N, C-alpha and C. Protein backbone atom coordinates (compact mmCIF):
# COMPACT_ATOMS: atom_id res chain seq x y z
N MET A 1 -16.00 8.69 -10.82
CA MET A 1 -15.56 7.33 -10.67
C MET A 1 -14.83 7.20 -9.34
N PRO A 2 -15.18 6.20 -8.53
CA PRO A 2 -14.48 6.00 -7.26
C PRO A 2 -13.00 5.71 -7.48
N ALA A 3 -12.18 6.24 -6.61
CA ALA A 3 -10.73 6.09 -6.75
C ALA A 3 -10.30 4.63 -6.77
N ALA A 4 -10.95 3.77 -6.00
CA ALA A 4 -10.57 2.36 -5.95
C ALA A 4 -10.75 1.69 -7.31
N GLU A 5 -11.72 2.15 -8.10
CA GLU A 5 -11.93 1.59 -9.43
C GLU A 5 -10.79 1.95 -10.38
N VAL A 6 -10.06 2.98 -10.06
CA VAL A 6 -8.89 3.36 -10.84
C VAL A 6 -7.64 2.72 -10.24
N TYR A 7 -7.54 2.74 -8.93
CA TYR A 7 -6.35 2.27 -8.23
C TYR A 7 -6.04 0.80 -8.51
N GLY A 8 -7.01 -0.08 -8.38
CA GLY A 8 -6.78 -1.51 -8.58
C GLY A 8 -6.25 -1.85 -9.96
N PRO A 9 -6.95 -1.46 -11.02
CA PRO A 9 -6.44 -1.74 -12.37
C PRO A 9 -5.10 -1.06 -12.66
N LEU A 10 -4.92 0.16 -12.17
CA LEU A 10 -3.65 0.85 -12.39
C LEU A 10 -2.50 0.11 -11.71
N LEU A 11 -2.75 -0.36 -10.50
CA LEU A 11 -1.73 -1.13 -9.78
C LEU A 11 -1.36 -2.40 -10.55
N ALA A 12 -2.35 -3.09 -11.11
CA ALA A 12 -2.09 -4.29 -11.91
C ALA A 12 -1.27 -3.94 -13.15
N ALA A 13 -1.59 -2.82 -13.79
CA ALA A 13 -0.82 -2.40 -14.97
C ALA A 13 0.61 -2.06 -14.60
N LEU A 14 0.80 -1.36 -13.50
CA LEU A 14 2.16 -1.02 -13.05
C LEU A 14 2.95 -2.29 -12.71
N GLY A 15 2.25 -3.27 -12.13
CA GLY A 15 2.90 -4.53 -11.80
C GLY A 15 3.45 -5.24 -13.02
N GLY A 16 2.80 -5.06 -14.15
CA GLY A 16 3.28 -5.66 -15.39
C GLY A 16 4.52 -4.98 -15.94
N ARG A 17 4.71 -3.72 -15.56
CA ARG A 17 5.87 -2.96 -16.05
C ARG A 17 7.07 -3.01 -15.11
N ASP A 18 6.82 -3.33 -13.84
CA ASP A 18 7.91 -3.31 -12.86
C ASP A 18 7.75 -4.49 -11.91
N GLU A 19 8.62 -5.46 -12.05
CA GLU A 19 8.50 -6.66 -11.22
C GLU A 19 8.93 -6.43 -9.77
N ARG A 20 9.42 -5.23 -9.46
CA ARG A 20 9.75 -4.91 -8.06
C ARG A 20 8.52 -4.48 -7.27
N ILE A 21 7.40 -4.21 -7.95
CA ILE A 21 6.19 -3.76 -7.25
C ILE A 21 5.56 -4.92 -6.50
N VAL A 22 5.29 -4.68 -5.23
CA VAL A 22 4.67 -5.65 -4.33
C VAL A 22 3.50 -4.97 -3.66
N VAL A 23 2.38 -5.67 -3.52
CA VAL A 23 1.21 -5.13 -2.82
C VAL A 23 1.14 -5.77 -1.44
N VAL A 24 1.13 -4.91 -0.42
CA VAL A 24 0.96 -5.36 0.96
C VAL A 24 -0.43 -4.90 1.40
N ASP A 25 -1.33 -5.85 1.49
CA ASP A 25 -2.74 -5.56 1.76
C ASP A 25 -3.04 -5.75 3.24
N ALA A 26 -3.85 -4.88 3.79
CA ALA A 26 -4.26 -4.98 5.20
C ALA A 26 -5.75 -5.35 5.27
N GLY A 27 -6.11 -6.37 4.53
CA GLY A 27 -7.48 -6.87 4.58
C GLY A 27 -8.49 -6.06 3.78
N LEU A 28 -8.03 -5.26 2.83
CA LEU A 28 -8.93 -4.41 2.06
C LEU A 28 -8.88 -4.69 0.56
N GLY A 29 -8.56 -5.90 0.20
CA GLY A 29 -8.46 -6.24 -1.22
C GLY A 29 -9.72 -5.95 -2.01
N SER A 30 -10.88 -6.25 -1.44
CA SER A 30 -12.12 -5.99 -2.18
C SER A 30 -12.42 -4.50 -2.22
N SER A 31 -12.19 -3.78 -1.14
CA SER A 31 -12.45 -2.33 -1.12
C SER A 31 -11.53 -1.57 -2.05
N MET A 32 -10.28 -2.00 -2.13
CA MET A 32 -9.30 -1.32 -2.97
C MET A 32 -9.17 -1.95 -4.35
N GLN A 33 -9.93 -3.00 -4.60
CA GLN A 33 -10.00 -3.68 -5.89
C GLN A 33 -8.62 -4.12 -6.40
N THR A 34 -7.89 -4.80 -5.53
CA THR A 34 -6.56 -5.29 -5.91
C THR A 34 -6.60 -6.72 -6.43
N GLY A 35 -7.77 -7.25 -6.71
CA GLY A 35 -7.91 -8.62 -7.20
C GLY A 35 -7.16 -8.89 -8.49
N ALA A 36 -7.13 -7.94 -9.40
CA ALA A 36 -6.43 -8.13 -10.67
C ALA A 36 -4.93 -8.29 -10.44
N PHE A 37 -4.38 -7.50 -9.52
CA PHE A 37 -2.95 -7.63 -9.20
C PHE A 37 -2.70 -8.99 -8.57
N ARG A 38 -3.53 -9.36 -7.60
CA ARG A 38 -3.38 -10.64 -6.90
C ARG A 38 -3.46 -11.82 -7.88
N ALA A 39 -4.39 -11.76 -8.83
CA ALA A 39 -4.54 -12.84 -9.81
C ALA A 39 -3.36 -12.91 -10.76
N SER A 40 -2.83 -11.77 -11.17
CA SER A 40 -1.72 -11.74 -12.13
C SER A 40 -0.37 -12.01 -11.50
N TYR A 41 -0.19 -11.56 -10.25
CA TYR A 41 1.12 -11.65 -9.60
C TYR A 41 0.97 -12.16 -8.17
N PRO A 42 0.49 -13.38 -7.98
CA PRO A 42 0.23 -13.87 -6.62
C PRO A 42 1.48 -13.92 -5.74
N GLU A 43 2.64 -14.09 -6.36
CA GLU A 43 3.88 -14.14 -5.58
C GLU A 43 4.32 -12.76 -5.08
N ARG A 44 3.68 -11.70 -5.59
CA ARG A 44 4.00 -10.33 -5.17
C ARG A 44 2.85 -9.68 -4.42
N TYR A 45 1.94 -10.49 -3.92
CA TYR A 45 0.78 -9.99 -3.19
C TYR A 45 0.76 -10.64 -1.81
N VAL A 46 0.70 -9.80 -0.77
CA VAL A 46 0.67 -10.29 0.60
C VAL A 46 -0.52 -9.65 1.30
N ASN A 47 -1.39 -10.49 1.88
CA ASN A 47 -2.52 -9.98 2.65
C ASN A 47 -2.26 -10.30 4.11
N LEU A 48 -2.05 -9.28 4.92
CA LEU A 48 -1.74 -9.46 6.34
C LEU A 48 -2.98 -9.38 7.22
N GLY A 49 -4.13 -9.19 6.61
CA GLY A 49 -5.34 -9.03 7.41
C GLY A 49 -5.40 -7.63 8.01
N ILE A 50 -6.23 -7.50 9.01
CA ILE A 50 -6.43 -6.18 9.62
C ILE A 50 -5.24 -5.89 10.53
N ALA A 51 -4.17 -5.40 9.93
CA ALA A 51 -2.92 -5.16 10.66
C ALA A 51 -2.13 -4.07 9.96
N GLU A 52 -2.66 -2.86 9.96
CA GLU A 52 -2.03 -1.77 9.23
C GLU A 52 -0.61 -1.48 9.69
N ALA A 53 -0.39 -1.47 11.00
CA ALA A 53 0.95 -1.19 11.50
C ALA A 53 1.93 -2.25 11.02
N ASN A 54 1.53 -3.51 11.07
CA ASN A 54 2.40 -4.59 10.57
C ASN A 54 2.63 -4.45 9.08
N ALA A 55 1.60 -4.06 8.34
CA ALA A 55 1.74 -3.90 6.89
C ALA A 55 2.79 -2.84 6.56
N VAL A 56 2.78 -1.75 7.30
CA VAL A 56 3.78 -0.70 7.08
C VAL A 56 5.17 -1.21 7.42
N GLY A 57 5.30 -1.96 8.51
CA GLY A 57 6.60 -2.52 8.88
C GLY A 57 7.12 -3.50 7.84
N VAL A 58 6.25 -4.39 7.34
CA VAL A 58 6.64 -5.35 6.30
C VAL A 58 7.04 -4.61 5.04
N ALA A 59 6.26 -3.62 4.65
CA ALA A 59 6.56 -2.84 3.44
C ALA A 59 7.90 -2.13 3.58
N SER A 60 8.19 -1.63 4.77
CA SER A 60 9.47 -0.96 4.98
C SER A 60 10.63 -1.93 4.77
N GLY A 61 10.49 -3.13 5.29
CA GLY A 61 11.54 -4.14 5.09
C GLY A 61 11.69 -4.53 3.63
N LEU A 62 10.57 -4.69 2.93
CA LEU A 62 10.62 -5.02 1.51
C LEU A 62 11.30 -3.90 0.71
N ALA A 63 10.99 -2.66 1.07
CA ALA A 63 11.59 -1.52 0.37
C ALA A 63 13.10 -1.46 0.61
N ARG A 64 13.51 -1.79 1.81
CA ARG A 64 14.95 -1.78 2.11
C ARG A 64 15.69 -2.86 1.32
N ARG A 65 14.95 -3.87 0.83
CA ARG A 65 15.54 -4.92 0.01
C ARG A 65 15.44 -4.62 -1.48
N GLY A 66 14.98 -3.41 -1.83
CA GLY A 66 14.94 -3.01 -3.23
C GLY A 66 13.61 -3.19 -3.93
N LEU A 67 12.60 -3.67 -3.22
CA LEU A 67 11.27 -3.80 -3.82
C LEU A 67 10.53 -2.47 -3.71
N ARG A 68 9.39 -2.38 -4.38
CA ARG A 68 8.60 -1.15 -4.37
C ARG A 68 7.20 -1.47 -3.84
N PRO A 69 7.06 -1.57 -2.53
CA PRO A 69 5.77 -1.96 -1.95
C PRO A 69 4.73 -0.85 -1.98
N PHE A 70 3.49 -1.27 -2.18
CA PHE A 70 2.34 -0.38 -2.06
C PHE A 70 1.51 -0.89 -0.89
N VAL A 71 1.32 -0.05 0.11
CA VAL A 71 0.46 -0.36 1.24
C VAL A 71 -0.77 0.53 1.11
N HIS A 72 -1.93 -0.03 1.33
CA HIS A 72 -3.14 0.80 1.25
C HIS A 72 -4.09 0.42 2.37
N SER A 73 -4.81 1.42 2.83
CA SER A 73 -5.82 1.20 3.86
C SER A 73 -6.71 2.42 3.92
N PHE A 74 -7.73 2.32 4.73
CA PHE A 74 -8.57 3.49 4.96
C PHE A 74 -7.75 4.53 5.72
N SER A 75 -8.01 5.78 5.42
CA SER A 75 -7.22 6.87 5.96
C SER A 75 -7.14 6.86 7.49
N ASN A 76 -8.26 6.66 8.16
CA ASN A 76 -8.22 6.71 9.62
C ASN A 76 -7.39 5.58 10.21
N PHE A 77 -7.31 4.43 9.56
CA PHE A 77 -6.51 3.33 10.07
C PHE A 77 -5.02 3.62 9.92
N LEU A 78 -4.63 4.20 8.79
CA LEU A 78 -3.22 4.54 8.62
C LEU A 78 -2.82 5.70 9.52
N ALA A 79 -3.72 6.64 9.69
CA ALA A 79 -3.40 7.80 10.53
C ALA A 79 -3.28 7.41 12.01
N ARG A 80 -4.06 6.45 12.45
CA ARG A 80 -4.05 6.09 13.86
C ARG A 80 -3.24 4.84 14.15
N ARG A 81 -3.57 3.75 13.51
CA ARG A 81 -2.95 2.47 13.84
C ARG A 81 -1.52 2.35 13.36
N ALA A 82 -1.21 2.94 12.24
CA ALA A 82 0.12 2.75 11.66
C ALA A 82 1.04 3.95 11.83
N HIS A 83 0.59 4.97 12.53
CA HIS A 83 1.39 6.19 12.64
C HIS A 83 2.78 5.92 13.20
N ASP A 84 2.88 5.18 14.29
CA ASP A 84 4.20 4.91 14.87
C ASP A 84 5.08 4.11 13.93
N GLN A 85 4.52 3.11 13.23
CA GLN A 85 5.32 2.35 12.28
C GLN A 85 5.82 3.23 11.15
N ILE A 86 4.97 4.13 10.68
CA ILE A 86 5.39 5.04 9.61
C ILE A 86 6.55 5.90 10.10
N ALA A 87 6.42 6.44 11.30
CA ALA A 87 7.47 7.31 11.84
C ALA A 87 8.76 6.54 12.10
N ILE A 88 8.65 5.34 12.66
CA ILE A 88 9.84 4.58 13.07
C ILE A 88 10.45 3.80 11.91
N SER A 89 9.66 3.01 11.21
CA SER A 89 10.20 2.13 10.18
C SER A 89 10.48 2.82 8.86
N VAL A 90 9.70 3.83 8.55
CA VAL A 90 9.82 4.46 7.23
C VAL A 90 10.56 5.79 7.29
N GLY A 91 10.31 6.59 8.31
CA GLY A 91 10.80 7.96 8.27
C GLY A 91 11.96 8.33 9.15
N VAL A 92 12.54 7.40 9.88
CA VAL A 92 13.59 7.75 10.84
C VAL A 92 14.98 7.56 10.25
N GLY A 93 15.86 8.47 10.59
CA GLY A 93 17.27 8.33 10.26
C GLY A 93 17.56 8.26 8.78
N GLY A 94 18.63 7.57 8.46
CA GLY A 94 19.06 7.43 7.08
C GLY A 94 18.16 6.53 6.26
N ALA A 95 17.31 5.74 6.93
CA ALA A 95 16.45 4.81 6.18
C ALA A 95 15.55 5.55 5.21
N ALA A 96 15.06 6.72 5.61
CA ALA A 96 14.11 7.45 4.76
C ALA A 96 14.74 7.89 3.44
N SER A 97 16.04 8.12 3.44
CA SER A 97 16.66 8.63 2.24
C SER A 97 16.81 7.58 1.14
N HIS A 98 16.83 6.30 1.49
CA HIS A 98 17.00 5.29 0.45
C HIS A 98 15.93 4.20 0.48
N VAL A 99 14.77 4.54 1.01
CA VAL A 99 13.65 3.61 0.99
C VAL A 99 12.58 4.17 0.07
N ASP A 100 12.25 3.41 -0.97
CA ASP A 100 11.20 3.80 -1.91
C ASP A 100 9.89 3.29 -1.35
N ARG A 101 8.96 4.19 -1.01
CA ARG A 101 7.73 3.75 -0.35
C ARG A 101 6.51 4.45 -0.93
N ARG A 102 5.40 3.73 -0.87
CA ARG A 102 4.12 4.27 -1.31
C ARG A 102 3.08 3.86 -0.30
N ILE A 103 2.44 4.82 0.29
CA ILE A 103 1.37 4.56 1.25
C ILE A 103 0.14 5.25 0.70
N VAL A 104 -0.91 4.50 0.48
CA VAL A 104 -2.12 5.05 -0.13
C VAL A 104 -3.21 5.07 0.93
N ARG A 105 -3.70 6.28 1.20
CA ARG A 105 -4.81 6.44 2.13
C ARG A 105 -6.08 6.55 1.31
N TYR A 106 -7.12 5.94 1.78
CA TYR A 106 -8.39 5.92 1.05
C TYR A 106 -9.45 6.56 1.91
N ILE A 107 -10.04 7.63 1.39
CA ILE A 107 -11.10 8.35 2.09
C ILE A 107 -12.36 8.25 1.26
N ARG A 108 -13.46 7.96 1.90
CA ARG A 108 -14.72 7.84 1.16
C ARG A 108 -15.77 8.75 1.79
N TRP A 109 -16.32 9.61 0.97
CA TRP A 109 -17.43 10.47 1.37
C TRP A 109 -18.62 10.10 0.52
N SER A 110 -19.59 9.49 1.08
CA SER A 110 -20.81 9.04 0.40
C SER A 110 -20.48 8.46 -0.98
N GLN A 111 -20.77 9.16 -2.06
CA GLN A 111 -20.54 8.64 -3.40
C GLN A 111 -19.16 8.98 -3.95
N ARG A 112 -18.40 9.79 -3.23
CA ARG A 112 -17.09 10.20 -3.72
C ARG A 112 -15.99 9.48 -2.96
N SER A 113 -14.90 9.23 -3.61
CA SER A 113 -13.74 8.68 -2.92
C SER A 113 -12.48 9.29 -3.53
N VAL A 114 -11.49 9.43 -2.69
CA VAL A 114 -10.25 10.07 -3.11
C VAL A 114 -9.09 9.23 -2.60
N ALA A 115 -8.08 9.02 -3.42
CA ALA A 115 -6.89 8.31 -2.97
C ALA A 115 -5.71 9.28 -2.99
N PHE A 116 -4.86 9.17 -2.02
CA PHE A 116 -3.69 10.03 -1.92
C PHE A 116 -2.44 9.18 -1.99
N ARG A 117 -1.43 9.66 -2.65
CA ARG A 117 -0.14 8.98 -2.68
C ARG A 117 0.81 9.82 -1.84
N ARG A 118 1.46 9.20 -0.91
CA ARG A 118 2.35 9.93 -0.03
C ARG A 118 3.75 9.33 -0.10
N ARG A 119 4.73 10.17 -0.29
CA ARG A 119 6.13 9.70 -0.33
C ARG A 119 6.92 10.38 0.73
């Protein structure tokens, strides 16, 4: 089963248990199957379009305010486009010790797909 088929419904279920969960989408709602979360919790769903670095920055700010953001994108986009934002906004100084963050990288190999959770 492709990871996105598990990730989307699981995210929607988690959203029902924790109102602090926010989804910050970088234009991959259909690929990551986050439609159920968006439909159930539209006020906690933000689609920034193809802007991974901005998504990481927004998620960092939301986390600093006590929310639990989930950012997801294809692995190569997070590794390249958002690397500086991850290092600066999420991992620098004292911020890293009290910021709850979830960054999900999505890798697809032909019929297989794998999702990673990184904290």
